[in-house]
């Protein structure tokens, strides 16, 4: 949880913490979006979303927040590109049947994403990995994780922050290992 700020403080935060991420953000979009001409628009969309959210509450981990926002924007764009106007489809039932069957490319991409996720999880410290898995897979609260792991909620918070930050670095290509 962050804190609300004035317009001047928001601008200072943006210049100090968000703007320096522009090169990494641009690289992320170039690696993950096929149309190079959309990259500048995608970066600007991230800036708009990040600033709107920061008006309410400044995130504690700016880098993770910016790249999570970028990922969500790509997901939204991808979903929007999958929409086919109904007028252009002659046989709606055929479209529905075809869209339910994943193609071989989707299976390969999914297996690759799972391998990357497992490799990234394997790089986390065991206790961080355990906390992240309990939170993300089992949906446990910090209190429940603390109880199950026999540690304080503050330690769980630290494990989750470290784990999620490390995973985002690995997935967004900022990890140098």
C-alpha atoms as a PDB file:
ATOM      1  CA  UNK A   1       0.000   0.000   0.000  1.00  0.00           C
ATOM      2  CA  UNK A   2       1.318   3.425  -0.944  1.00  0.00           C
ATOM      3  CA  UNK A   3       0.187   6.894  -0.103  1.00  0.00           C
ATOM      4  CA  UNK A   4      -1.855   9.650  -1.784  1.00  0.00           C
ATOM      5  CA  UNK A   5       0.108  12.652  -3.077  1.00  0.00           C
ATOM      6  CA  UNK A   6      -0.369  16.157  -4.390  1.00  0.00           C
ATOM      7  CA  UNK A   7      -0.070  16.949  -8.101  1.00  0.00           C
ATOM      8  CA  UNK A   8       3.471  18.310  -7.611  1.00  0.00           C
ATOM      9  CA  UNK A   9       4.544  15.251  -5.646  1.00  0.00           C
ATOM     10  CA  UNK A  10       2.942  13.000  -8.274  1.00  0.00           C
ATOM     11  CA  UNK A  11       4.878  14.738 -11.022  1.00  0.00           C
ATOM     12  CA  UNK A  12       8.130  14.477  -9.041  1.00  0.00           C
ATOM     13  CA  UNK A  13       7.477  10.772  -8.414  1.00  0.00           C
ATOM     14  CA  UNK A  14       6.743  10.185 -12.100  1.00  0.00           C
ATOM     15  CA  UNK A  15       9.936  11.935 -13.210  1.00  0.00           C
ATOM     16  CA  UNK A  16      12.057  10.231 -10.542  1.00  0.00           C
ATOM     17  CA  UNK A  17      10.702   6.668 -10.650  1.00  0.00           C
ATOM     18  CA  UNK A  18       8.586   6.029 -13.760  1.00  0.00           C
ATOM     19  CA  UNK A  19      10.301   7.937 -16.549  1.00  0.00           C
ATOM     20  CA  UNK A  20      13.691   6.222 -16.008  1.00  0.00           C
ATOM     21  CA  UNK A  21      11.942   2.921 -16.825  1.00  0.00           C
ATOM     22  CA  UNK A  22      11.069   4.081 -20.344  1.00  0.00           C
ATOM     23  CA  UNK A  23      13.917   2.267 -22.112  1.00  0.00           C
ATOM     24  CA  UNK A  24      13.151  -1.024 -20.353  1.00  0.00           C
ATOM     25  CA  UNK A  25       9.425  -0.546 -20.967  1.00  0.00           C
ATOM     26  CA  UNK A  26      10.003   0.167 -24.659  1.00  0.00           C
ATOM     27  CA  UNK A  27      12.197  -2.939 -24.897  1.00  0.00           C
ATOM     28  CA  UNK A  28       9.525  -5.008 -23.192  1.00  0.00           C
ATOM     29  CA  UNK A  29       6.903  -3.889 -25.713  1.00  0.00           C
ATOM     30  CA  UNK A  30       9.248  -4.467 -28.647  1.00  0.00           C
ATOM     31  CA  UNK A  31       9.855  -8.042 -27.461  1.00  0.00           C
ATOM     32  CA  UNK A  32       6.209  -8.780 -26.757  1.00  0.00           C
ATOM     33  CA  UNK A  33       4.200  -6.907 -29.406  1.00  0.00           C
ATOM     34  CA  UNK A  34       4.511  -7.541 -33.117  1.00  0.00           C
ATOM     35  CA  UNK A  35       3.604  -4.110 -34.446  1.00  0.00           C
ATOM     36  CA  UNK A  36       6.549  -1.778 -33.851  1.00  0.00           C
ATOM     37  CA  UNK A  37       4.444   1.258 -34.718  1.00  0.00           C
ATOM     38  CA  UNK A  38       2.269   0.598 -31.624  1.00  0.00           C
ATOM     39  CA  UNK A  39       5.167   0.686 -29.148  1.00  0.00           C
ATOM     40  CA  UNK A  40       5.081   4.445 -28.435  1.00  0.00           C
ATOM     41  CA  UNK A  41       1.298   4.312 -27.960  1.00  0.00           C
ATOM     42  CA  UNK A  42       1.646   1.364 -25.590  1.00  0.00           C
ATOM     43  CA  UNK A  43       4.235   3.217 -23.504  1.00  0.00           C
ATOM     44  CA  UNK A  44       1.950   6.250 -23.343  1.00  0.00           C
ATOM     45  CA  UNK A  45      -0.977   4.035 -22.308  1.00  0.00           C
ATOM     46  CA  UNK A  46       1.137   2.706 -19.441  1.00  0.00           C
ATOM     47  CA  UNK A  47       1.968   6.251 -18.360  1.00  0.00           C
ATOM     48  CA  UNK A  48      -1.720   7.209 -18.366  1.00  0.00           C
ATOM     49  CA  UNK A  49      -2.779   4.150 -16.362  1.00  0.00           C
ATOM     50  CA  UNK A  50       0.093   4.491 -13.887  1.00  0.00           C
ATOM     51  CA  UNK A  51      -0.600   8.182 -13.295  1.00  0.00           C
ATOM     52  CA  UNK A  52      -4.335   7.607 -12.887  1.00  0.00           C
ATOM     53  CA  UNK A  53      -3.699   4.907 -10.313  1.00  0.00           C
ATOM     54  CA  UNK A  54      -0.996   6.927  -8.536  1.00  0.00           C
ATOM     55  CA  UNK A  55      -3.395   9.849  -8.069  1.00  0.00           C
ATOM     56  CA  UNK A  56      -5.296   7.583  -5.693  1.00  0.00           C
ATOM     57  CA  UNK A  57      -2.282   5.827  -4.207  1.00  0.00           C
ATOM     58  CA  UNK A  58       1.402   5.775  -5.150  1.00  0.00           C
ATOM     59  CA  UNK A  59       2.629   2.185  -5.426  1.00  0.00           C
ATOM     60  CA  UNK A  60       5.435   1.124  -3.131  1.00  0.00           C
ATOM     61  CA  UNK A  61       7.164  -0.857  -5.883  1.00  0.00           C
ATOM     62  CA  UNK A  62       7.004   1.399  -8.934  1.00  0.00           C
ATOM     63  CA  UNK A  63       8.913  -0.912 -11.279  1.00  0.00           C
ATOM     64  CA  UNK A  64       6.693  -3.924 -10.579  1.00  0.00           C
ATOM     65  CA  UNK A  65       3.579  -1.763 -10.873  1.00  0.00           C
ATOM     66  CA  UNK A  66       4.678  -0.265 -14.216  1.00  0.00           C
ATOM     67  CA  UNK A  67       5.511  -3.648 -15.747  1.00  0.00           C
ATOM     68  CA  UNK A  68       2.362  -5.285 -14.397  1.00  0.00           C
ATOM     69  CA  UNK A  69       0.388  -2.441 -15.966  1.00  0.00           C
ATOM     70  CA  UNK A  70       2.273  -2.968 -19.242  1.00  0.00           C
ATOM     71  CA  UNK A  71       1.484  -6.680 -19.195  1.00  0.00           C
ATOM     72  CA  UNK A  72      -2.200  -6.003 -18.533  1.00  0.00           C
ATOM     73  CA  UNK A  73      -2.351  -3.508 -21.378  1.00  0.00           C
ATOM     74  CA  UNK A  74      -0.860  -6.101 -23.742  1.00  0.00           C
ATOM     75  CA  UNK A  75      -3.406  -8.660 -22.583  1.00  0.00           C
ATOM     76  CA  UNK A  76      -6.235  -6.191 -23.186  1.00  0.00           C
ATOM     77  CA  UNK A  77      -4.908  -5.291 -26.636  1.00  0.00           C
ATOM     78  CA  UNK A  78      -4.524  -8.936 -27.547  1.00  0.00           C
ATOM     79  CA  UNK A  79      -8.077  -9.712 -26.431  1.00  0.00           C
ATOM     80  CA  UNK A  80      -9.428  -6.755 -28.396  1.00  0.00           C
ATOM     81  CA  UNK A  81      -7.646  -7.969 -31.533  1.00  0.00           C
ATOM     82  CA  UNK A  82      -9.351 -11.355 -31.159  1.00  0.00           C
ATOM     83  CA  UNK A  83     -12.795  -9.779 -31.466  1.00  0.00           C
ATOM     84  CA  UNK A  84     -14.350 -10.334 -34.900  1.00  0.00           C
ATOM     85  CA  UNK A  85     -17.318  -8.158 -35.881  1.00  0.00           C
ATOM     86  CA  UNK A  86     -20.397 -10.369 -36.171  1.00  0.00           C
ATOM     87  CA  UNK A  87     -21.265  -8.941 -39.604  1.00  0.00           C
ATOM     88  CA  UNK A  88     -18.055 -10.371 -41.103  1.00  0.00           C
ATOM     89  CA  UNK A  89     -18.776 -13.930 -39.986  1.00  0.00           C
ATOM     90  CA  UNK A  90     -21.096 -15.986 -42.150  1.00  0.00           C
ATOM     91  CA  UNK A  91     -21.320 -19.125 -40.005  1.00  0.00           C
ATOM     92  CA  UNK A  92     -21.252 -18.161 -36.313  1.00  0.00           C
ATOM     93  CA  UNK A  93     -21.358 -21.809 -35.171  1.00  0.00           C
ATOM     94  CA  UNK A  94     -18.265 -22.626 -37.238  1.00  0.00           C
ATOM     95  CA  UNK A  95     -16.398 -19.693 -35.676  1.00  0.00           C
ATOM     96  CA  UNK A  96     -17.340 -20.812 -32.152  1.00  0.00           C
ATOM     97  CA  UNK A  97     -16.246 -24.388 -32.809  1.00  0.00           C
ATOM     98  CA  UNK A  98     -12.959 -23.284 -34.336  1.00  0.00           C
ATOM     99  CA  UNK A  99     -12.168 -20.861 -31.515  1.00  0.00           C
ATOM    100  CA  UNK A 100     -12.656 -23.542 -28.819  1.00  0.00           C
ATOM    101  CA  UNK A 101      -9.885 -25.743 -30.223  1.00  0.00           C
ATOM    102  CA  UNK A 102      -6.421 -24.409 -29.359  1.00  0.00           C
ATOM    103  CA  UNK A 103      -4.024 -24.562 -32.255  1.00  0.00           C
ATOM    104  CA  UNK A 104      -0.594 -26.183 -32.082  1.00  0.00           C
ATOM    105  CA  UNK A 105       1.040 -22.765 -31.791  1.00  0.00           C
ATOM    106  CA  UNK A 106      -0.993 -22.029 -28.657  1.00  0.00           C
ATOM    107  CA  UNK A 107       0.053 -25.343 -27.095  1.00  0.00           C
ATOM    108  CA  UNK A 108       3.733 -24.624 -27.808  1.00  0.00           C
ATOM    109  CA  UNK A 109       3.444 -21.104 -26.398  1.00  0.00           C
ATOM    110  CA  UNK A 110       1.668 -22.388 -23.291  1.00  0.00           C
ATOM    111  CA  UNK A 111       4.289 -25.091 -22.660  1.00  0.00           C
ATOM    112  CA  UNK A 112       7.056 -22.521 -23.097  1.00  0.00           C
ATOM    113  CA  UNK A 113       5.349 -20.129 -20.656  1.00  0.00           C
ATOM    114  CA  UNK A 114       4.991 -22.941 -18.104  1.00  0.00           C
ATOM    115  CA  UNK A 115       8.686 -23.851 -18.471  1.00  0.00           C
ATOM    116  CA  UNK A 116       9.670 -20.216 -17.995  1.00  0.00           C
ATOM    117  CA  UNK A 117       7.432 -19.920 -14.941  1.00  0.00           C
ATOM    118  CA  UNK A 118       8.842 -23.094 -13.373  1.00  0.00           C
ATOM    119  CA  UNK A 119      12.414 -21.954 -14.036  1.00  0.00           C
ATOM    120  CA  UNK A 120      11.645 -18.550 -12.520  1.00  0.00           C
ATOM    121  CA  UNK A 121      10.029 -20.127  -9.458  1.00  0.00           C
ATOM    122  CA  UNK A 122      13.030 -22.448  -9.058  1.00  0.00           C
ATOM    123  CA  UNK A 123      15.285 -19.373  -8.823  1.00  0.00           C
ATOM    124  CA  UNK A 124      13.401 -17.997  -5.811  1.00  0.00           C
ATOM    125  CA  UNK A 125      14.595 -18.710  -2.289  1.00  0.00           C
ATOM    126  CA  UNK A 126      12.575 -21.648  -0.902  1.00  0.00           C
ATOM    127  CA  UNK A 127      10.620 -19.592   1.659  1.00  0.00           C
ATOM    128  CA  UNK A 128       9.850 -16.835  -0.894  1.00  0.00           C
ATOM    129  CA  UNK A 129       8.704 -19.479  -3.382  1.00  0.00           C
ATOM    130  CA  UNK A 130       6.484 -21.105  -0.753  1.00  0.00           C
ATOM    131  CA  UNK A 131       4.877 -17.754   0.165  1.00  0.00           C
ATOM    132  CA  UNK A 132       4.298 -16.824  -3.498  1.00  0.00           C
ATOM    133  CA  UNK A 133       2.761 -20.210  -4.306  1.00  0.00           C
ATOM    134  CA  UNK A 134       0.484 -20.100  -1.267  1.00  0.00           C
ATOM    135  CA  UNK A 135      -0.673 -16.616  -2.258  1.00  0.00           C
ATOM    136  CA  UNK A 136      -0.966 -17.014  -6.013  1.00  0.00           C
ATOM    137  CA  UNK A 137      -2.039 -20.659  -6.370  1.00  0.00           C
ATOM    138  CA  UNK A 138      -3.970 -21.305  -3.193  1.00  0.00           C
ATOM    139  CA  UNK A 139      -5.259 -17.750  -2.777  1.00  0.00           C
ATOM    140  CA  UNK A 140      -4.364 -17.577   0.903  1.00  0.00           C
ATOM    141  CA  UNK A 141      -4.270 -14.264   2.756  1.00  0.00           C
ATOM    142  CA  UNK A 142      -1.060 -13.024   4.380  1.00  0.00           C
ATOM    143  CA  UNK A 143      -2.445 -14.038   7.761  1.00  0.00           C
ATOM    144  CA  UNK A 144      -3.175 -17.573   6.526  1.00  0.00           C
ATOM    145  CA  UNK A 145       0.271 -17.852   4.923  1.00  0.00           C
ATOM    146  CA  UNK A 146       1.921 -16.642   8.128  1.00  0.00           C
ATOM    147  CA  UNK A 147       0.014 -19.230  10.131  1.00  0.00           C
ATOM    148  CA  UNK A 148       0.839 -22.058   7.733  1.00  0.00           C
ATOM    149  CA  UNK A 149       4.538 -21.121   7.473  1.00  0.00           C
ATOM    150  CA  UNK A 150       4.917 -20.282  11.175  1.00  0.00           C
ATOM    151  CA  UNK A 151       6.205 -16.753  10.541  1.00  0.00           C
ATOM    152  CA  UNK A 152       4.924 -13.197  11.061  1.00  0.00           C
ATOM    153  CA  UNK A 153       2.652 -11.416   8.587  1.00  0.00           C
ATOM    154  CA  UNK A 154       5.390  -8.803   8.104  1.00  0.00           C
ATOM    155  CA  UNK A 155       7.811 -11.550   7.019  1.00  0.00           C
ATOM    156  CA  UNK A 156       5.180 -12.914   4.633  1.00  0.00           C
ATOM    157  CA  UNK A 157       4.788  -9.405   3.192  1.00  0.00           C
ATOM    158  CA  UNK A 158       8.564  -9.204   2.641  1.00  0.00           C
ATOM    159  CA  UNK A 159       8.718 -12.685   1.080  1.00  0.00           C
ATOM    160  CA  UNK A 160       5.856 -11.828  -1.282  1.00  0.00           C
ATOM    161  CA  UNK A 161       7.404  -8.495  -2.276  1.00  0.00           C
ATOM    162  CA  UNK A 162      10.817 -10.039  -2.908  1.00  0.00           C
ATOM    163  CA  UNK A 163       9.346 -13.034  -4.716  1.00  0.00           C
ATOM    164  CA  UNK A 164       7.000 -11.075  -6.962  1.00  0.00           C
ATOM    165  CA  UNK A 165       9.640  -8.442  -7.722  1.00  0.00           C
ATOM    166  CA  UNK A 166      12.149 -11.148  -8.651  1.00  0.00           C
ATOM    167  CA  UNK A 167       9.603 -12.945 -10.845  1.00  0.00           C
ATOM    168  CA  UNK A 168       8.689  -9.718 -12.629  1.00  0.00           C
ATOM    169  CA  UNK A 169      12.373  -9.007 -13.270  1.00  0.00           C
ATOM    170  CA  UNK A 170      12.837 -12.489 -14.714  1.00  0.00           C
ATOM    171  CA  UNK A 171       9.715 -12.327 -16.896  1.00  0.00           C
ATOM    172  CA  UNK A 172      10.218  -8.781 -18.123  1.00  0.00           C
ATOM    173  CA  UNK A 173      13.787  -9.431 -19.205  1.00  0.00           C
ATOM    174  CA  UNK A 174      15.411  -7.204 -16.606  1.00  0.00           C
ATOM    175  CA  UNK A 175      17.157 -10.055 -14.802  1.00  0.00           C
ATOM    176  CA  UNK A 176      20.782 -10.285 -15.849  1.00  0.00           C
ATOM    177  CA  UNK A 177      21.409 -13.879 -14.666  1.00  0.00           C
END
